[in-house]
N, C-alpha and C. Protein backbone atom coordinates (compact mmCIF):
# COMPACT_ATOMS: atom_id res chain seq x y z
N MET A 1 -47.40 -69.97 -5.99
CA MET A 1 -47.20 -68.79 -5.18
C MET A 1 -47.58 -69.14 -3.75
N ALA A 2 -46.80 -68.73 -2.79
CA ALA A 2 -47.10 -69.00 -1.39
C ALA A 2 -47.28 -67.69 -0.64
N LEU A 3 -48.27 -67.66 0.21
CA LEU A 3 -48.57 -66.50 1.02
C LEU A 3 -47.96 -66.72 2.39
N GLN A 4 -47.14 -65.80 2.85
CA GLN A 4 -46.52 -65.96 4.15
C GLN A 4 -47.47 -65.47 5.22
N MET A 5 -47.69 -66.30 6.22
CA MET A 5 -48.56 -65.97 7.33
C MET A 5 -47.78 -66.18 8.62
N GLN A 6 -48.25 -65.60 9.71
CA GLN A 6 -47.60 -65.79 11.00
C GLN A 6 -47.90 -67.17 11.54
N ALA A 7 -46.93 -67.73 12.23
CA ALA A 7 -47.15 -69.02 12.88
C ALA A 7 -48.08 -68.81 14.06
N ASN A 8 -48.88 -69.82 14.37
CA ASN A 8 -49.82 -69.69 15.48
C ASN A 8 -49.10 -69.85 16.81
N ALA A 9 -49.81 -69.62 17.90
CA ALA A 9 -49.23 -69.66 19.23
C ALA A 9 -48.72 -71.04 19.61
N ASP A 10 -49.27 -72.09 18.99
CA ASP A 10 -48.83 -73.45 19.28
C ASP A 10 -47.51 -73.80 18.60
N GLY A 11 -47.02 -72.89 17.75
CA GLY A 11 -45.78 -73.14 17.05
C GLY A 11 -45.91 -74.10 15.89
N GLU A 12 -47.14 -74.37 15.46
CA GLU A 12 -47.34 -75.28 14.34
C GLU A 12 -46.76 -74.67 13.08
N ASP A 13 -46.43 -75.51 12.14
CA ASP A 13 -45.82 -75.07 10.89
C ASP A 13 -46.87 -74.48 9.96
N GLU A 14 -47.21 -73.21 10.20
CA GLU A 14 -48.23 -72.53 9.41
C GLU A 14 -47.65 -71.27 8.79
N ASP A 15 -46.37 -71.31 8.43
CA ASP A 15 -45.71 -70.12 7.91
C ASP A 15 -46.15 -69.75 6.51
N PHE A 16 -46.55 -70.73 5.71
CA PHE A 16 -46.90 -70.44 4.33
C PHE A 16 -48.24 -71.06 3.96
N ILE A 17 -48.95 -70.34 3.11
CA ILE A 17 -50.20 -70.84 2.55
C ILE A 17 -50.02 -70.86 1.05
N ASP A 18 -50.29 -72.00 0.45
CA ASP A 18 -50.24 -72.10 -1.01
C ASP A 18 -51.55 -71.56 -1.56
N VAL A 19 -51.51 -70.34 -2.12
CA VAL A 19 -52.74 -69.69 -2.60
C VAL A 19 -53.29 -70.37 -3.84
N ASP A 20 -52.55 -71.29 -4.43
CA ASP A 20 -53.03 -72.05 -5.58
C ASP A 20 -53.64 -73.39 -5.17
N ASN A 21 -53.68 -73.67 -3.88
CA ASN A 21 -54.20 -74.93 -3.36
C ASN A 21 -55.49 -74.65 -2.57
N PRO A 22 -56.66 -74.94 -3.17
CA PRO A 22 -57.93 -74.66 -2.49
C PRO A 22 -58.07 -75.34 -1.13
N GLU A 23 -57.48 -76.52 -0.97
CA GLU A 23 -57.57 -77.23 0.31
C GLU A 23 -56.77 -76.51 1.39
N ASP A 24 -55.60 -75.98 1.02
CA ASP A 24 -54.78 -75.22 1.97
C ASP A 24 -55.50 -73.94 2.37
N LEU A 25 -56.11 -73.27 1.41
CA LEU A 25 -56.87 -72.05 1.70
C LEU A 25 -58.04 -72.36 2.62
N ALA A 26 -58.76 -73.44 2.34
CA ALA A 26 -59.93 -73.81 3.15
C ALA A 26 -59.53 -74.10 4.60
N ARG A 27 -58.38 -74.74 4.79
CA ARG A 27 -57.90 -75.02 6.16
C ARG A 27 -57.66 -73.73 6.93
N LYS A 28 -57.31 -72.68 6.22
CA LYS A 28 -57.05 -71.38 6.86
C LYS A 28 -58.28 -70.49 6.88
N GLY A 29 -59.41 -70.99 6.36
CA GLY A 29 -60.64 -70.21 6.34
C GLY A 29 -60.65 -69.14 5.27
N LEU A 30 -59.90 -69.35 4.20
CA LEU A 30 -59.81 -68.39 3.11
C LEU A 30 -60.36 -68.99 1.83
N ARG A 31 -60.76 -68.11 0.93
CA ARG A 31 -61.12 -68.56 -0.42
C ARG A 31 -60.73 -67.49 -1.41
N ARG A 32 -60.43 -67.92 -2.63
CA ARG A 32 -60.07 -67.00 -3.71
C ARG A 32 -61.33 -66.40 -4.30
N ILE A 33 -61.30 -65.11 -4.56
CA ILE A 33 -62.44 -64.43 -5.16
C ILE A 33 -61.95 -63.50 -6.26
N GLN A 34 -62.86 -63.12 -7.13
CA GLN A 34 -62.62 -62.06 -8.10
C GLN A 34 -63.66 -61.00 -7.86
N ILE A 35 -63.28 -59.76 -8.00
CA ILE A 35 -64.19 -58.65 -7.78
C ILE A 35 -64.64 -58.14 -9.13
N GLU A 36 -65.94 -58.07 -9.30
CA GLU A 36 -66.52 -57.64 -10.57
C GLU A 36 -65.93 -56.30 -11.00
N GLY A 37 -65.49 -56.25 -12.25
CA GLY A 37 -64.93 -55.02 -12.82
C GLY A 37 -63.46 -54.82 -12.52
N ASP A 38 -62.80 -55.77 -11.90
CA ASP A 38 -61.39 -55.62 -11.55
C ASP A 38 -60.52 -56.53 -12.40
N ASP A 39 -60.66 -56.46 -13.70
CA ASP A 39 -59.83 -57.13 -14.71
C ASP A 39 -59.04 -58.35 -14.25
N GLU A 40 -59.75 -59.41 -13.93
CA GLU A 40 -59.15 -60.71 -13.63
C GLU A 40 -58.25 -60.74 -12.41
N GLN A 41 -58.22 -59.68 -11.62
CA GLN A 41 -57.43 -59.67 -10.39
C GLN A 41 -58.10 -60.57 -9.37
N GLU A 42 -57.33 -61.42 -8.71
CA GLU A 42 -57.87 -62.31 -7.69
C GLU A 42 -57.44 -61.86 -6.31
N TYR A 43 -58.28 -62.15 -5.35
CA TYR A 43 -58.06 -61.78 -3.96
C TYR A 43 -58.37 -62.98 -3.08
N LEU A 44 -58.06 -62.86 -1.79
CA LEU A 44 -58.42 -63.85 -0.79
C LEU A 44 -59.43 -63.21 0.16
N MET A 45 -60.45 -63.97 0.55
CA MET A 45 -61.42 -63.46 1.50
C MET A 45 -61.57 -64.44 2.64
N ASP A 46 -61.61 -63.92 3.87
CA ASP A 46 -61.81 -64.78 5.03
C ASP A 46 -63.29 -64.80 5.39
N ALA A 47 -63.63 -65.59 6.41
CA ALA A 47 -65.03 -65.77 6.81
C ALA A 47 -65.66 -64.49 7.34
N ASP A 48 -64.86 -63.54 7.78
CA ASP A 48 -65.37 -62.27 8.30
C ASP A 48 -65.58 -61.23 7.20
N GLY A 49 -65.26 -61.58 5.96
CA GLY A 49 -65.43 -60.65 4.84
C GLY A 49 -64.24 -59.74 4.62
N ASN A 50 -63.13 -59.99 5.30
CA ASN A 50 -61.90 -59.22 5.07
C ASN A 50 -61.27 -59.71 3.78
N ILE A 51 -60.78 -58.77 2.97
CA ILE A 51 -60.23 -59.12 1.67
C ILE A 51 -58.75 -58.74 1.64
N TYR A 52 -57.95 -59.67 1.12
CA TYR A 52 -56.50 -59.52 1.06
C TYR A 52 -56.03 -59.76 -0.36
N ASN A 53 -54.92 -59.12 -0.74
CA ASN A 53 -54.33 -59.46 -2.03
C ASN A 53 -53.60 -60.78 -1.87
N LEU A 54 -53.04 -61.31 -2.93
CA LEU A 54 -52.40 -62.63 -2.87
C LEU A 54 -51.08 -62.62 -2.11
N LEU A 55 -50.65 -61.45 -1.66
CA LEU A 55 -49.47 -61.36 -0.81
C LEU A 55 -49.84 -61.32 0.66
N GLY A 56 -51.15 -61.34 0.94
CA GLY A 56 -51.61 -61.34 2.32
C GLY A 56 -51.83 -59.96 2.90
N GLU A 57 -51.78 -58.93 2.08
CA GLU A 57 -51.97 -57.57 2.55
C GLU A 57 -53.46 -57.21 2.51
N PHE A 58 -53.96 -56.63 3.60
CA PHE A 58 -55.36 -56.25 3.68
C PHE A 58 -55.65 -55.16 2.66
N VAL A 59 -56.74 -55.33 1.87
CA VAL A 59 -57.10 -54.33 0.87
C VAL A 59 -58.51 -53.79 1.05
N GLY A 60 -59.34 -54.45 1.85
CA GLY A 60 -60.69 -53.97 2.04
C GLY A 60 -61.55 -55.00 2.73
N GLU A 61 -62.84 -54.71 2.77
CA GLU A 61 -63.76 -55.64 3.40
C GLU A 61 -65.11 -55.55 2.70
N THR A 62 -65.90 -56.58 2.90
CA THR A 62 -67.25 -56.57 2.36
C THR A 62 -68.16 -55.95 3.41
N ASP A 63 -69.22 -55.34 2.95
CA ASP A 63 -70.19 -54.73 3.85
C ASP A 63 -71.58 -55.07 3.33
N GLY A 64 -72.13 -56.18 3.79
CA GLY A 64 -73.44 -56.59 3.32
C GLY A 64 -73.47 -56.87 1.83
N GLY A 65 -72.39 -57.45 1.31
CA GLY A 65 -72.34 -57.75 -0.11
C GLY A 65 -71.66 -56.67 -0.93
N ASN A 66 -71.38 -55.54 -0.33
CA ASN A 66 -70.67 -54.47 -1.04
C ASN A 66 -69.19 -54.54 -0.70
N PHE A 67 -68.35 -54.17 -1.65
CA PHE A 67 -66.91 -54.21 -1.45
C PHE A 67 -66.41 -52.81 -1.20
N GLU A 68 -65.68 -52.62 -0.10
CA GLU A 68 -65.08 -51.34 0.20
C GLU A 68 -63.57 -51.50 0.15
N VAL A 69 -62.91 -50.70 -0.68
CA VAL A 69 -61.46 -50.79 -0.84
C VAL A 69 -60.79 -49.76 0.01
N ASP A 70 -59.72 -50.18 0.68
CA ASP A 70 -58.89 -49.25 1.44
C ASP A 70 -58.09 -48.43 0.45
N GLN A 71 -58.38 -47.15 0.35
CA GLN A 71 -57.78 -46.27 -0.66
C GLN A 71 -56.52 -45.57 -0.18
N ASP A 72 -55.92 -46.00 0.92
CA ASP A 72 -54.75 -45.33 1.47
C ASP A 72 -53.47 -45.59 0.71
N ASP A 73 -53.49 -46.45 -0.29
CA ASP A 73 -52.25 -46.80 -1.02
C ASP A 73 -51.75 -45.68 -1.87
């Protein structure tokens, strides 16, 4: 599965991130996580604590170790 991301200002080839490749995720500052109680669903988290689904859509953020979900869906 590949996550589509915007290309950077330098025009480098950064259109896709392979969410199944930990090295690719690490280069982008992301890591795969699972949220306790969320039946094996995996997410991506960046260094700022922002959490995205595997399609790259923002779903919430951490707040001092707590997970807050954007309930607007």
